[in-house]
Amino acid sequence: MRGGIILVIIGGIIAILGIIFHLQGQSIVGPQSSFMYSNPDWITYGMQTAIVGVVVAIVGGIIRIIKRD
């Protein structure tokens, strides 16, 4: 049961980091001296990272539900 909770937490952290990367790429968040700031590549990297985080969290939720039975 703990494995599912851990995956949900890790997935949430990864998703949050992906959103931050995405916003930095769009010049919304972060210092202007950052290599990610206003960089179109990081818009894509951020969205991909956020999607991976959501998938990991969903897998953790599914594991949690399966182990509950």
N, C-alpha and C. Protein backbone atom coordinates (compact mmCIF):
# COMPACT_ATOMS: atom_id res chain seq x y z
N MET A 1 0.81 -1.20 0.00
CA MET A 1 0.00 0.00 0.00
C MET A 1 0.85 1.26 0.00
N ARG A 2 2.00 1.20 0.64
CA ARG A 2 2.85 2.39 0.68
C ARG A 2 3.43 2.74 -0.68
N GLY A 3 3.66 1.74 -1.51
CA GLY A 3 4.23 1.99 -2.83
C GLY A 3 3.35 2.87 -3.68
N GLY A 4 2.05 2.68 -3.60
CA GLY A 4 1.12 3.49 -4.37
C GLY A 4 1.13 4.94 -3.92
N ILE A 5 1.16 5.14 -2.60
CA ILE A 5 1.17 6.51 -2.07
C ILE A 5 2.46 7.22 -2.47
N ILE A 6 3.55 6.50 -2.39
CA ILE A 6 4.85 7.10 -2.76
C ILE A 6 4.85 7.51 -4.23
N LEU A 7 4.30 6.65 -5.10
CA LEU A 7 4.24 6.99 -6.52
C LEU A 7 3.35 8.20 -6.78
N VAL A 8 2.25 8.31 -6.05
CA VAL A 8 1.37 9.47 -6.21
C VAL A 8 2.11 10.75 -5.81
N ILE A 9 2.85 10.71 -4.71
CA ILE A 9 3.59 11.89 -4.25
C ILE A 9 4.69 12.25 -5.24
N ILE A 10 5.46 11.26 -5.68
CA ILE A 10 6.54 11.52 -6.63
C ILE A 10 5.97 12.04 -7.95
N GLY A 11 4.89 11.47 -8.42
CA GLY A 11 4.25 11.94 -9.65
C GLY A 11 3.78 13.37 -9.52
N GLY A 12 3.22 13.72 -8.36
CA GLY A 12 2.80 15.10 -8.13
C GLY A 12 3.96 16.08 -8.16
N ILE A 13 5.06 15.69 -7.55
CA ILE A 13 6.25 16.56 -7.56
C ILE A 13 6.77 16.74 -8.98
N ILE A 14 6.85 15.65 -9.73
CA ILE A 14 7.32 15.72 -11.11
C ILE A 14 6.40 16.61 -11.95
N ALA A 15 5.09 16.48 -11.75
CA ALA A 15 4.14 17.30 -12.50
C ALA A 15 4.31 18.78 -12.17
N ILE A 16 4.50 19.10 -10.90
CA ILE A 16 4.70 20.50 -10.50
C ILE A 16 5.97 21.06 -11.12
N LEU A 17 7.04 20.27 -11.10
CA LEU A 17 8.29 20.73 -11.73
C LEU A 17 8.10 20.95 -13.23
N GLY A 18 7.36 20.08 -13.88
CA GLY A 18 7.10 20.24 -15.30
C GLY A 18 6.33 21.53 -15.59
N ILE A 19 5.37 21.85 -14.74
CA ILE A 19 4.62 23.09 -14.92
C ILE A 19 5.53 24.29 -14.74
N ILE A 20 6.43 24.24 -13.77
CA ILE A 20 7.38 25.34 -13.56
C ILE A 20 8.29 25.49 -14.77
N PHE A 21 8.79 24.38 -15.30
CA PHE A 21 9.64 24.45 -16.49
C PHE A 21 8.88 25.08 -17.66
N HIS A 22 7.63 24.67 -17.82
CA HIS A 22 6.80 25.20 -18.91
C HIS A 22 6.62 26.72 -18.75
N LEU A 23 6.33 27.16 -17.55
CA LEU A 23 6.13 28.59 -17.33
C LEU A 23 7.43 29.39 -17.50
N GLN A 24 8.55 28.80 -17.14
CA GLN A 24 9.83 29.48 -17.38
C GLN A 24 10.09 29.61 -18.87
N GLY A 25 9.77 28.60 -19.62
CA GLY A 25 9.96 28.66 -21.07
C GLY A 25 9.10 29.72 -21.71
N GLN A 26 7.95 30.01 -21.10
CA GLN A 26 7.06 31.05 -21.61
C GLN A 26 7.36 32.43 -21.03
N SER A 27 8.41 32.57 -20.27
CA SER A 27 8.83 33.85 -19.65
C SER A 27 7.83 34.35 -18.62
N ILE A 28 7.15 33.46 -17.93
CA ILE A 28 6.18 33.86 -16.91
C ILE A 28 6.80 33.79 -15.52
N VAL A 29 7.64 32.78 -15.27
CA VAL A 29 8.22 32.55 -13.95
C VAL A 29 9.73 32.48 -14.10
N GLY A 30 10.43 32.93 -13.07
CA GLY A 30 11.86 32.74 -13.01
C GLY A 30 12.67 33.96 -13.37
N PRO A 31 13.94 33.91 -13.03
CA PRO A 31 14.82 35.03 -13.34
C PRO A 31 15.16 35.08 -14.83
N GLN A 32 15.38 36.26 -15.33
CA GLN A 32 15.71 36.42 -16.74
C GLN A 32 17.09 35.87 -17.09
N SER A 33 17.91 35.65 -16.08
CA SER A 33 19.25 35.12 -16.33
C SER A 33 19.26 33.60 -16.49
N SER A 34 18.12 32.95 -16.27
CA SER A 34 18.04 31.50 -16.37
C SER A 34 18.12 31.05 -17.84
N PHE A 35 18.76 29.92 -18.07
CA PHE A 35 18.85 29.39 -19.44
C PHE A 35 17.50 28.88 -19.94
N MET A 36 16.56 28.64 -19.02
CA MET A 36 15.23 28.17 -19.41
C MET A 36 14.30 29.33 -19.76
N TYR A 37 14.62 30.52 -19.31
CA TYR A 37 13.73 31.67 -19.47
C TYR A 37 13.60 32.03 -20.94
N SER A 38 12.38 32.12 -21.41
CA SER A 38 12.06 32.51 -22.78
C SER A 38 12.71 31.58 -23.82
N ASN A 39 12.74 30.29 -23.50
CA ASN A 39 13.32 29.29 -24.38
C ASN A 39 12.21 28.34 -24.83
N PRO A 40 11.85 28.36 -26.10
CA PRO A 40 10.73 27.52 -26.58
C PRO A 40 10.92 26.03 -26.34
N ASP A 41 12.17 25.58 -26.28
CA ASP A 41 12.41 24.16 -26.02
C ASP A 41 11.87 23.76 -24.65
N TRP A 42 12.00 24.64 -23.67
CA TRP A 42 11.57 24.31 -22.32
C TRP A 42 10.06 24.34 -22.17
N ILE A 43 9.36 24.98 -23.08
CA ILE A 43 7.90 24.90 -23.08
C ILE A 43 7.50 23.45 -23.35
N THR A 44 8.13 22.85 -24.35
CA THR A 44 7.85 21.46 -24.70
C THR A 44 8.35 20.50 -23.62
N TYR A 45 9.58 20.71 -23.13
CA TYR A 45 10.12 19.84 -22.09
C TYR A 45 9.25 19.88 -20.83
N GLY A 46 8.78 21.05 -20.49
CA GLY A 46 7.94 21.18 -19.30
C GLY A 46 6.63 20.43 -19.43
N MET A 47 6.00 20.54 -20.59
CA MET A 47 4.74 19.82 -20.78
C MET A 47 4.96 18.31 -20.77
N GLN A 48 6.04 17.86 -21.38
CA GLN A 48 6.34 16.42 -21.37
C GLN A 48 6.60 15.93 -19.96
N THR A 49 7.34 16.72 -19.19
CA THR A 49 7.64 16.35 -17.80
C THR A 49 6.36 16.31 -16.97
N ALA A 50 5.49 17.29 -17.15
CA ALA A 50 4.22 17.32 -16.42
C ALA A 50 3.36 16.12 -16.76
N ILE A 51 3.31 15.74 -18.02
CA ILE A 51 2.53 14.58 -18.44
C ILE A 51 3.08 13.30 -17.81
N VAL A 52 4.39 13.16 -17.79
CA VAL A 52 5.01 11.98 -17.16
C VAL A 52 4.64 11.95 -15.67
N GLY A 53 4.68 13.10 -15.02
CA GLY A 53 4.32 13.16 -13.60
C GLY A 53 2.89 12.74 -13.35
N VAL A 54 1.99 13.19 -14.21
CA VAL A 54 0.58 12.81 -14.06
C VAL A 54 0.40 11.31 -14.28
N VAL A 55 1.10 10.76 -15.26
CA VAL A 55 1.00 9.32 -15.52
C VAL A 55 1.53 8.52 -14.33
N VAL A 56 2.65 8.95 -13.76
CA VAL A 56 3.19 8.25 -12.59
C VAL A 56 2.21 8.32 -11.42
N ALA A 57 1.59 9.48 -11.21
CA ALA A 57 0.61 9.62 -10.14
C ALA A 57 -0.61 8.73 -10.38
N ILE A 58 -1.06 8.64 -11.61
CA ILE A 58 -2.21 7.78 -11.93
C ILE A 58 -1.86 6.31 -11.70
N VAL A 59 -0.67 5.90 -12.11
CA VAL A 59 -0.24 4.51 -11.87
C VAL A 59 -0.20 4.24 -10.37
N GLY A 60 0.31 5.18 -9.60
CA GLY A 60 0.32 5.02 -8.15
C GLY A 60 -1.08 4.89 -7.58
N GLY A 61 -2.01 5.68 -8.09
CA GLY A 61 -3.39 5.58 -7.64
C GLY A 61 -4.02 4.24 -7.99
N ILE A 62 -3.72 3.74 -9.17
CA ILE A 62 -4.25 2.44 -9.59
C ILE A 62 -3.67 1.33 -8.71
N ILE A 63 -2.38 1.40 -8.43
CA ILE A 63 -1.75 0.39 -7.56
C ILE A 63 -2.39 0.42 -6.18
N ARG A 64 -2.66 1.61 -5.71
CA ARG A 64 -3.29 1.76 -4.39
C ARG A 64 -4.68 1.12 -4.37
N ILE A 65 -5.44 1.33 -5.43
CA ILE A 65 -6.77 0.76 -5.51
C ILE A 65 -6.72 -0.76 -5.62
N ILE A 66 -5.80 -1.27 -6.42
CA ILE A 66 -5.68 -2.72 -6.61
C ILE A 66 -5.26 -3.40 -5.32
N LYS A 67 -4.31 -2.83 -4.60
CA LYS A 67 -3.83 -3.45 -3.37
C LYS A 67 -4.85 -3.36 -2.24
N ARG A 68 -5.80 -2.44 -2.35
CA ARG A 68 -6.83 -2.30 -1.33
C ARG A 68 -7.76 -3.51 -1.32
N ASP A 69 -7.98 -4.11 -2.48
CA ASP A 69 -8.91 -5.25 -2.57
C ASP A 69 -8.35 -6.52 -1.98
